[in-house]
Amino acid sequence: MGLIRDLYTRFRVLIHEAAKFGTVGIIAFFITIGGANGLHYGVGLGPLTSVTIATVFATMFAFLGNKLWAFRHRKGNHWGRESVLFFVFNGIGLLIQLGVVAAVTHGLGLNDKFSYNLANVAGVGVATIFRLYCYRRWVFLMADDALQQERLEPETTGR
């Protein structure tokens, strides 16, 4: 039990951020996938247009969820810088996602609902890994004292 407690203590900030980021991400995921399906199969928009529109709405939700909840303990108060970086990295994430969907629908010619959704989910997955790294590294920064607490180095208190 001590090992688990020690690991949790060592990685607690990362665990909490990842859990909150994941919760926001799951909701944004459903906005993206549900919206893309609704726009593509319900309204009749093209596959890439549908993904783009749904992802833009999901991105707006994700920004507010991450800024106001998942990463609210970080430095903050730099709404302008954080907003620009957040949307730039989400734009890159959208390009990653569109690349996967385009490769499947246009490159491989797989236009069935299963292939479209699988490509969309795979694109979201790769883009999410990219986004989490960028958010932690460049967007939602830690204050210097909080950064010292987050260090992922073993404690040397001599217990």
N, C-alpha and C. Protein backbone atom coordinates (compact mmCIF):
# COMPACT_ATOMS: atom_id res chain seq x y z
N MET A 1 0.82 -1.18 0.00
CA MET A 1 0.00 0.00 0.00
C MET A 1 0.87 1.26 0.00
N GLY A 2 2.01 1.20 0.65
CA GLY A 2 2.91 2.34 0.71
C GLY A 2 3.42 2.74 -0.67
N LEU A 3 3.67 1.74 -1.53
CA LEU A 3 4.14 2.02 -2.88
C LEU A 3 3.09 2.80 -3.66
N ILE A 4 1.84 2.38 -3.55
CA ILE A 4 0.76 3.06 -4.26
C ILE A 4 0.61 4.50 -3.76
N ARG A 5 0.66 4.66 -2.43
CA ARG A 5 0.56 6.00 -1.85
C ARG A 5 1.73 6.88 -2.31
N ASP A 6 2.93 6.31 -2.31
CA ASP A 6 4.10 7.07 -2.74
C ASP A 6 4.00 7.46 -4.22
N LEU A 7 3.54 6.53 -5.05
CA LEU A 7 3.37 6.85 -6.47
C LEU A 7 2.31 7.93 -6.67
N TYR A 8 1.22 7.81 -5.92
CA TYR A 8 0.17 8.82 -6.02
C TYR A 8 0.70 10.19 -5.58
N THR A 9 1.42 10.23 -4.47
CA THR A 9 1.97 11.49 -3.98
C THR A 9 2.91 12.10 -5.01
N ARG A 10 3.71 11.25 -5.60
CA ARG A 10 4.70 11.72 -6.56
C ARG A 10 4.05 12.27 -7.83
N PHE A 11 2.97 11.65 -8.28
CA PHE A 11 2.35 12.01 -9.55
C PHE A 11 0.95 12.63 -9.39
N ARG A 12 0.58 13.10 -8.21
CA ARG A 12 -0.80 13.53 -7.98
C ARG A 12 -1.24 14.68 -8.88
N VAL A 13 -0.39 15.65 -9.12
CA VAL A 13 -0.79 16.77 -9.98
C VAL A 13 -1.06 16.26 -11.39
N LEU A 14 -0.18 15.43 -11.90
CA LEU A 14 -0.37 14.87 -13.23
C LEU A 14 -1.64 14.01 -13.28
N ILE A 15 -1.87 13.21 -12.26
CA ILE A 15 -3.06 12.35 -12.21
C ILE A 15 -4.33 13.19 -12.23
N HIS A 16 -4.37 14.23 -11.41
CA HIS A 16 -5.57 15.07 -11.33
C HIS A 16 -5.79 15.84 -12.63
N GLU A 17 -4.70 16.39 -13.18
CA GLU A 17 -4.84 17.11 -14.45
C GLU A 17 -5.30 16.18 -15.56
N ALA A 18 -4.70 15.00 -15.64
CA ALA A 18 -5.07 14.06 -16.70
C ALA A 18 -6.52 13.60 -16.54
N ALA A 19 -6.97 13.39 -15.30
CA ALA A 19 -8.36 12.97 -15.07
C ALA A 19 -9.34 14.07 -15.49
N LYS A 20 -9.05 15.30 -15.10
CA LYS A 20 -9.93 16.40 -15.47
C LYS A 20 -9.87 16.67 -16.97
N PHE A 21 -8.65 16.66 -17.53
CA PHE A 21 -8.49 16.82 -18.97
C PHE A 21 -9.26 15.72 -19.70
N GLY A 22 -9.20 14.51 -19.17
CA GLY A 22 -9.92 13.39 -19.77
C GLY A 22 -11.42 13.56 -19.72
N THR A 23 -11.94 14.07 -18.61
CA THR A 23 -13.38 14.29 -18.48
C THR A 23 -13.86 15.34 -19.48
N VAL A 24 -13.14 16.46 -19.54
CA VAL A 24 -13.46 17.50 -20.52
C VAL A 24 -13.34 16.90 -21.93
N GLY A 25 -12.30 16.13 -22.13
CA GLY A 25 -12.06 15.53 -23.45
C GLY A 25 -13.14 14.55 -23.87
N ILE A 26 -13.66 13.77 -22.92
CA ILE A 26 -14.72 12.81 -23.25
C ILE A 26 -15.97 13.55 -23.72
N ILE A 27 -16.31 14.61 -23.01
CA ILE A 27 -17.48 15.40 -23.43
C ILE A 27 -17.22 16.03 -24.79
N ALA A 28 -16.04 16.61 -24.98
CA ALA A 28 -15.69 17.21 -26.27
C ALA A 28 -15.67 16.14 -27.37
N PHE A 29 -15.23 14.93 -27.02
CA PHE A 29 -15.22 13.81 -27.97
C PHE A 29 -16.64 13.52 -28.47
N PHE A 30 -17.60 13.46 -27.54
CA PHE A 30 -18.98 13.20 -27.95
C PHE A 30 -19.55 14.35 -28.78
N ILE A 31 -19.15 15.58 -28.46
CA ILE A 31 -19.57 16.72 -29.28
C ILE A 31 -19.00 16.56 -30.69
N THR A 32 -17.72 16.18 -30.77
CA THR A 32 -17.07 16.01 -32.08
C THR A 32 -17.69 14.89 -32.89
N ILE A 33 -17.76 13.70 -32.30
CA ILE A 33 -18.25 12.54 -33.05
C ILE A 33 -19.73 12.67 -33.35
N GLY A 34 -20.52 13.04 -32.33
CA GLY A 34 -21.96 13.20 -32.54
C GLY A 34 -22.26 14.31 -33.52
N GLY A 35 -21.56 15.43 -33.37
CA GLY A 35 -21.76 16.55 -34.29
C GLY A 35 -21.36 16.21 -35.70
N ALA A 36 -20.22 15.55 -35.87
CA ALA A 36 -19.76 15.18 -37.22
C ALA A 36 -20.74 14.21 -37.87
N ASN A 37 -21.22 13.24 -37.12
CA ASN A 37 -22.21 12.30 -37.68
C ASN A 37 -23.51 13.01 -38.03
N GLY A 38 -23.97 13.88 -37.12
CA GLY A 38 -25.20 14.60 -37.38
C GLY A 38 -25.09 15.49 -38.61
N LEU A 39 -23.98 16.16 -38.74
CA LEU A 39 -23.78 17.06 -39.89
C LEU A 39 -23.56 16.29 -41.19
N HIS A 40 -22.81 15.19 -41.10
CA HIS A 40 -22.50 14.43 -42.33
C HIS A 40 -23.69 13.58 -42.77
N TYR A 41 -24.22 12.76 -41.87
CA TYR A 41 -25.28 11.84 -42.25
C TYR A 41 -26.68 12.43 -42.10
N GLY A 42 -26.84 13.40 -41.19
CA GLY A 42 -28.15 14.00 -41.00
C GLY A 42 -28.41 15.18 -41.93
N VAL A 43 -27.44 16.09 -42.00
CA VAL A 43 -27.60 17.30 -42.81
C VAL A 43 -27.07 17.11 -44.22
N GLY A 44 -26.11 16.19 -44.39
CA GLY A 44 -25.57 15.91 -45.72
C GLY A 44 -24.33 16.71 -46.09
N LEU A 45 -23.67 17.31 -45.10
CA LEU A 45 -22.42 18.01 -45.38
C LEU A 45 -21.31 17.00 -45.67
N GLY A 46 -20.24 17.46 -46.28
CA GLY A 46 -19.11 16.58 -46.59
C GLY A 46 -18.42 16.10 -45.33
N PRO A 47 -17.65 15.02 -45.44
CA PRO A 47 -17.02 14.44 -44.25
C PRO A 47 -16.04 15.39 -43.56
N LEU A 48 -15.25 16.12 -44.32
CA LEU A 48 -14.25 17.01 -43.71
C LEU A 48 -14.91 18.28 -43.16
N THR A 49 -15.90 18.78 -43.85
CA THR A 49 -16.64 19.95 -43.37
C THR A 49 -17.34 19.62 -42.05
N SER A 50 -17.94 18.45 -42.00
CA SER A 50 -18.64 18.01 -40.78
C SER A 50 -17.68 17.90 -39.60
N VAL A 51 -16.53 17.28 -39.84
CA VAL A 51 -15.53 17.15 -38.78
C VAL A 51 -15.05 18.52 -38.33
N THR A 52 -14.81 19.41 -39.27
CA THR A 52 -14.31 20.74 -38.93
C THR A 52 -15.31 21.51 -38.07
N ILE A 53 -16.56 21.56 -38.46
CA ILE A 53 -17.57 22.31 -37.71
C ILE A 53 -17.75 21.71 -36.31
N ALA A 54 -17.89 20.39 -36.24
CA ALA A 54 -18.08 19.74 -34.94
C ALA A 54 -16.88 19.95 -34.04
N THR A 55 -15.69 19.89 -34.59
CA THR A 55 -14.47 20.06 -33.80
C THR A 55 -14.32 21.49 -33.31
N VAL A 56 -14.74 22.46 -34.10
CA VAL A 56 -14.68 23.85 -33.65
C VAL A 56 -15.58 24.04 -32.43
N PHE A 57 -16.78 23.49 -32.45
CA PHE A 57 -17.67 23.60 -31.28
C PHE A 57 -17.08 22.86 -30.08
N ALA A 58 -16.54 21.68 -30.32
CA ALA A 58 -15.92 20.91 -29.23
C ALA A 58 -14.72 21.65 -28.66
N THR A 59 -13.98 22.33 -29.51
CA THR A 59 -12.80 23.09 -29.08
C THR A 59 -13.20 24.25 -28.17
N MET A 60 -14.28 24.94 -28.51
CA MET A 60 -14.74 26.04 -27.66
C MET A 60 -15.14 25.51 -26.28
N PHE A 61 -15.86 24.37 -26.27
CA PHE A 61 -16.22 23.76 -25.00
C PHE A 61 -14.97 23.34 -24.23
N ALA A 62 -14.02 22.72 -24.92
CA ALA A 62 -12.80 22.23 -24.27
C ALA A 62 -11.97 23.38 -23.70
N PHE A 63 -11.92 24.50 -24.41
CA PHE A 63 -11.16 25.63 -23.88
C PHE A 63 -11.73 26.07 -22.54
N LEU A 64 -13.02 26.27 -22.48
CA LEU A 64 -13.63 26.71 -21.23
C LEU A 64 -13.48 25.66 -20.13
N GLY A 65 -13.69 24.39 -20.48
CA GLY A 65 -13.55 23.33 -19.49
C GLY A 65 -12.13 23.19 -18.96
N ASN A 66 -11.16 23.28 -19.84
CA ASN A 66 -9.76 23.17 -19.41
C ASN A 66 -9.30 24.41 -18.66
N LYS A 67 -9.65 25.58 -19.15
CA LYS A 67 -9.21 26.83 -18.52
C LYS A 67 -9.85 27.01 -17.15
N LEU A 68 -11.14 26.75 -17.06
CA LEU A 68 -11.87 27.04 -15.83
C LEU A 68 -11.92 25.87 -14.85
N TRP A 69 -11.50 24.67 -15.29
CA TRP A 69 -11.57 23.53 -14.38
C TRP A 69 -10.29 22.71 -14.36
N ALA A 70 -9.92 22.09 -15.46
CA ALA A 70 -8.81 21.13 -15.45
C ALA A 70 -7.48 21.78 -15.09
N PHE A 71 -7.21 22.96 -15.62
CA PHE A 71 -5.93 23.62 -15.39
C PHE A 71 -6.08 24.94 -14.64
N ARG A 72 -7.17 25.09 -13.90
CA ARG A 72 -7.42 26.38 -13.24
C ARG A 72 -6.41 26.71 -12.16
N HIS A 73 -5.73 25.70 -11.61
CA HIS A 73 -4.73 25.91 -10.57
C HIS A 73 -3.41 26.43 -11.13
N ARG A 74 -3.28 26.41 -12.43
CA ARG A 74 -2.05 26.91 -13.04
C ARG A 74 -2.07 28.43 -13.10
N LYS A 75 -1.00 29.01 -13.49
CA LYS A 75 -0.76 30.46 -13.45
C LYS A 75 -1.98 31.29 -13.84
N GLY A 76 -2.59 30.99 -14.95
CA GLY A 76 -3.78 31.69 -15.39
C GLY A 76 -3.58 33.18 -15.60
N ASN A 77 -4.67 33.89 -15.63
CA ASN A 77 -4.69 35.34 -15.79
C ASN A 77 -4.03 35.81 -17.09
N HIS A 78 -3.76 34.93 -17.99
CA HIS A 78 -3.19 35.31 -19.28
C HIS A 78 -4.13 34.81 -20.37
N TRP A 79 -5.37 35.25 -20.27
CA TRP A 79 -6.39 34.76 -21.18
C TRP A 79 -6.00 34.95 -22.64
N GLY A 80 -5.40 36.08 -22.98
CA GLY A 80 -5.04 36.33 -24.37
C GLY A 80 -4.02 35.35 -24.89
N ARG A 81 -2.90 35.21 -24.18
CA ARG A 81 -1.84 34.30 -24.60
C ARG A 81 -2.35 32.86 -24.61
N GLU A 82 -3.04 32.47 -23.54
CA GLU A 82 -3.55 31.10 -23.45
C GLU A 82 -4.56 30.82 -24.55
N SER A 83 -5.42 31.78 -24.83
CA SER A 83 -6.42 31.59 -25.87
C SER A 83 -5.78 31.39 -27.23
N VAL A 84 -4.83 32.25 -27.57
CA VAL A 84 -4.16 32.14 -28.87
C VAL A 84 -3.46 30.79 -28.99
N LEU A 85 -2.65 30.43 -27.98
CA LEU A 85 -1.93 29.16 -28.05
C LEU A 85 -2.88 27.97 -28.07
N PHE A 86 -3.93 28.02 -27.25
CA PHE A 86 -4.90 26.93 -27.20
C PHE A 86 -5.50 26.70 -28.58
N PHE A 87 -5.94 27.78 -29.22
CA PHE A 87 -6.58 27.62 -30.51
C PHE A 87 -5.59 27.29 -31.62
N VAL A 88 -4.37 27.74 -31.52
CA VAL A 88 -3.34 27.34 -32.49
C VAL A 88 -3.08 25.84 -32.39
N PHE A 89 -2.88 25.35 -31.16
CA PHE A 89 -2.61 23.92 -31.00
C PHE A 89 -3.84 23.08 -31.34
N ASN A 90 -5.03 23.60 -31.10
CA ASN A 90 -6.23 22.88 -31.51
C ASN A 90 -6.38 22.90 -33.02
N GLY A 91 -5.94 23.98 -33.66
CA GLY A 91 -5.94 24.01 -35.12
C GLY A 91 -5.03 22.94 -35.69
N ILE A 92 -3.86 22.79 -35.09
CA ILE A 92 -2.94 21.73 -35.52
C ILE A 92 -3.57 20.36 -35.25
N GLY A 93 -4.20 20.22 -34.07
CA GLY A 93 -4.90 18.97 -33.75
C GLY A 93 -6.00 18.68 -34.75
N LEU A 94 -6.73 19.71 -35.17
CA LEU A 94 -7.77 19.53 -36.19
C LEU A 94 -7.17 19.06 -37.51
N LEU A 95 -6.02 19.62 -37.88
CA LEU A 95 -5.36 19.18 -39.11
C LEU A 95 -4.93 17.72 -39.02
N ILE A 96 -4.46 17.31 -37.85
CA ILE A 96 -4.12 15.89 -37.64
C ILE A 96 -5.35 15.03 -37.85
N GLN A 97 -6.45 15.43 -37.22
CA GLN A 97 -7.71 14.69 -37.32
C GLN A 97 -8.22 14.65 -38.76
N LEU A 98 -8.19 15.79 -39.42
CA LEU A 98 -8.64 15.84 -40.81
C LEU A 98 -7.76 15.00 -41.72
N GLY A 99 -6.46 14.96 -41.42
CA GLY A 99 -5.55 14.13 -42.20
C GLY A 99 -5.93 12.67 -42.15
N VAL A 100 -6.28 12.20 -40.96
CA VAL A 100 -6.67 10.80 -40.81
C VAL A 100 -7.99 10.54 -41.53
N VAL A 101 -8.97 11.41 -41.34
CA VAL A 101 -10.27 11.23 -42.00
C VAL A 101 -10.12 11.31 -43.52
N ALA A 102 -9.33 12.26 -44.01
CA ALA A 102 -9.12 12.39 -45.46
C ALA A 102 -8.41 11.17 -46.02
N ALA A 103 -7.43 10.65 -45.29
CA ALA A 103 -6.70 9.47 -45.76
C ALA A 103 -7.64 8.27 -45.91
N VAL A 104 -8.57 8.15 -44.98
CA VAL A 104 -9.49 7.01 -45.04
C VAL A 104 -10.59 7.23 -46.08
N THR A 105 -11.23 8.41 -46.05
CA THR A 105 -12.36 8.62 -46.95
C THR A 105 -11.94 8.90 -48.38
N HIS A 106 -10.91 9.71 -48.57
CA HIS A 106 -10.50 10.05 -49.94
C HIS A 106 -9.34 9.17 -50.42
N GLY A 107 -8.36 8.94 -49.55
CA GLY A 107 -7.20 8.14 -49.94
C GLY A 107 -7.53 6.67 -50.15
N LEU A 108 -8.23 6.09 -49.18
CA LEU A 108 -8.59 4.67 -49.28
C LEU A 108 -9.96 4.46 -49.90
N GLY A 109 -10.73 5.52 -50.03
CA GLY A 109 -12.06 5.41 -50.63
C GLY A 109 -13.08 4.70 -49.75
N LEU A 110 -12.82 4.66 -48.45
CA LEU A 110 -13.75 4.01 -47.52
C LEU A 110 -14.73 5.05 -47.01
N ASN A 111 -15.95 5.01 -47.53
CA ASN A 111 -16.94 6.03 -47.20
C ASN A 111 -18.09 5.52 -46.36
N ASP A 112 -17.99 4.30 -45.88
CA ASP A 112 -19.07 3.78 -45.04
C ASP A 112 -19.00 4.40 -43.65
N LYS A 113 -20.10 4.30 -42.92
CA LYS A 113 -20.22 4.94 -41.61
C LYS A 113 -19.18 4.41 -40.62
N PHE A 114 -18.93 3.12 -40.63
CA PHE A 114 -17.95 2.54 -39.70
C PHE A 114 -16.55 3.10 -39.95
N SER A 115 -16.12 3.11 -41.20
CA SER A 115 -14.78 3.60 -41.54
C SER A 115 -14.64 5.09 -41.21
N TYR A 116 -15.68 5.84 -41.51
CA TYR A 116 -15.67 7.28 -41.21
C TYR A 116 -15.51 7.51 -39.71
N ASN A 117 -16.29 6.81 -38.92
CA ASN A 117 -16.23 6.98 -37.47
C ASN A 117 -14.92 6.46 -36.89
N LEU A 118 -14.42 5.36 -37.41
CA LEU A 118 -13.14 4.83 -36.94
C LEU A 118 -12.01 5.81 -37.25
N ALA A 119 -12.02 6.39 -38.43
CA ALA A 119 -11.01 7.38 -38.80
C ALA A 119 -11.12 8.61 -37.92
N ASN A 120 -12.34 9.05 -37.66
CA ASN A 120 -12.56 10.22 -36.81
C ASN A 120 -12.06 9.96 -35.39
N VAL A 121 -12.37 8.80 -34.85
CA VAL A 121 -11.93 8.44 -33.50
C VAL A 121 -10.41 8.33 -33.44
N ALA A 122 -9.81 7.70 -34.44
CA ALA A 122 -8.34 7.60 -34.47
C ALA A 122 -7.70 8.98 -34.57
N GLY A 123 -8.25 9.84 -35.39
CA GLY A 123 -7.73 11.20 -35.52
C GLY A 123 -7.85 11.97 -34.22
N VAL A 124 -8.98 11.83 -33.55
CA VAL A 124 -9.17 12.48 -32.25
C VAL A 124 -8.14 11.96 -31.25
N GLY A 125 -7.89 10.66 -31.26
CA GLY A 125 -6.93 10.06 -30.33
C GLY A 125 -5.52 10.61 -30.50
N VAL A 126 -5.04 10.64 -31.72
CA VAL A 126 -3.69 11.15 -31.98
C VAL A 126 -3.63 12.64 -31.64
N ALA A 127 -4.65 13.39 -32.05
CA ALA A 127 -4.67 14.83 -31.77
C ALA A 127 -4.74 15.10 -30.27
N THR A 128 -5.43 14.26 -29.51
CA THR A 128 -5.56 14.45 -28.07
C THR A 128 -4.21 14.31 -27.37
N ILE A 129 -3.43 13.35 -27.76
CA ILE A 129 -2.09 13.18 -27.18
C ILE A 129 -1.25 14.43 -27.46
N PHE A 130 -1.31 14.90 -28.68
CA PHE A 130 -0.60 16.12 -29.05
C PHE A 130 -1.08 17.31 -28.20
N ARG A 131 -2.40 17.45 -28.05
CA ARG A 131 -2.96 18.59 -27.30
C ARG A 131 -2.58 18.55 -25.83
N LEU A 132 -2.67 17.40 -25.20
CA LEU A 132 -2.33 17.32 -23.77
C LEU A 132 -0.90 17.77 -23.54
N TYR A 133 0.01 17.29 -24.37
CA TYR A 133 1.41 17.70 -24.23
C TYR A 133 1.54 19.22 -24.38
N CYS A 134 0.92 19.77 -25.40
CA CYS A 134 1.03 21.21 -25.66
C CYS A 134 0.38 22.04 -24.56
N TYR A 135 -0.77 21.60 -24.05
CA TYR A 135 -1.43 22.35 -22.98
C TYR A 135 -0.54 22.43 -21.75
N ARG A 136 0.01 21.28 -21.36
CA ARG A 136 0.86 21.25 -20.17
C ARG A 136 2.16 22.00 -20.38
N ARG A 137 2.69 21.96 -21.58
CA ARG A 137 4.01 22.53 -21.85
C ARG A 137 3.99 24.03 -22.14
N TRP A 138 2.97 24.48 -22.91
CA TRP A 138 3.00 25.86 -23.39
C TRP A 138 1.77 26.70 -23.07
N VAL A 139 0.61 26.07 -22.87
CA VAL A 139 -0.61 26.86 -22.75
C VAL A 139 -0.92 27.22 -21.30
N PHE A 140 -1.22 26.21 -20.49
CA PHE A 140 -1.61 26.46 -19.10
C PHE A 140 -0.38 26.26 -18.22
N LEU A 141 0.37 27.32 -18.03
CA LEU A 141 1.65 27.25 -17.33
C LEU A 141 1.48 27.26 -15.82
N MET A 142 2.46 26.68 -15.13
CA MET A 142 2.49 26.67 -13.68
C MET A 142 3.20 27.91 -13.17
N ALA A 143 2.76 28.41 -12.04
CA ALA A 143 3.53 29.43 -11.33
C ALA A 143 4.79 28.77 -10.81
N ASP A 144 5.85 29.53 -10.59
CA ASP A 144 7.13 28.96 -10.19
C ASP A 144 7.03 28.12 -8.93
N ASP A 145 6.30 28.56 -7.90
CA ASP A 145 6.20 27.79 -6.66
C ASP A 145 5.39 26.51 -6.87
N ALA A 146 4.35 26.57 -7.68
CA ALA A 146 3.57 25.37 -7.98
C ALA A 146 4.37 24.39 -8.82
N LEU A 147 5.23 24.91 -9.69
CA LEU A 147 6.07 24.05 -10.51
C LEU A 147 7.02 23.24 -9.64
N GLN A 148 7.53 23.83 -8.59
CA GLN A 148 8.41 23.11 -7.68
C GLN A 148 7.66 21.95 -7.03
N GLN A 149 6.39 22.12 -6.71
CA GLN A 149 5.61 21.05 -6.10
C GLN A 149 5.30 19.94 -7.09
N GLU A 150 5.26 20.25 -8.38
CA GLU A 150 4.91 19.26 -9.39
C GLU A 150 6.09 18.41 -9.81
N ARG A 151 7.29 18.78 -9.51
CA ARG A 151 8.47 18.04 -9.95
C ARG A 151 8.26 16.54 -9.72
N LEU A 152 8.58 15.78 -10.70
CA LEU A 152 8.35 14.34 -10.63
C LEU A 152 9.66 13.63 -10.27
N GLU A 153 10.26 14.09 -9.19
CA GLU A 153 11.49 13.50 -8.71
C GLU A 153 11.23 12.84 -7.36
N PRO A 154 11.96 11.80 -7.02
CA PRO A 154 11.74 11.14 -5.73
C PRO A 154 12.09 12.08 -4.59
N GLU A 155 11.32 11.95 -3.52
CA GLU A 155 11.60 12.74 -2.33
C GLU A 155 12.80 12.12 -1.60
N THR A 156 13.56 12.95 -0.95
CA THR A 156 14.73 12.46 -0.20
C THR A 156 14.63 12.88 1.26
N THR A 157 13.44 12.65 1.83
CA THR A 157 13.21 13.08 3.20
C THR A 157 13.74 12.06 4.22
N GLY A 158 14.14 10.91 3.78
CA GLY A 158 14.73 9.90 4.66
C GLY A 158 13.74 9.26 5.61
N ARG A 159 12.59 8.88 5.12
CA ARG A 159 11.58 8.22 5.96
C ARG A 159 12.05 6.91 6.48
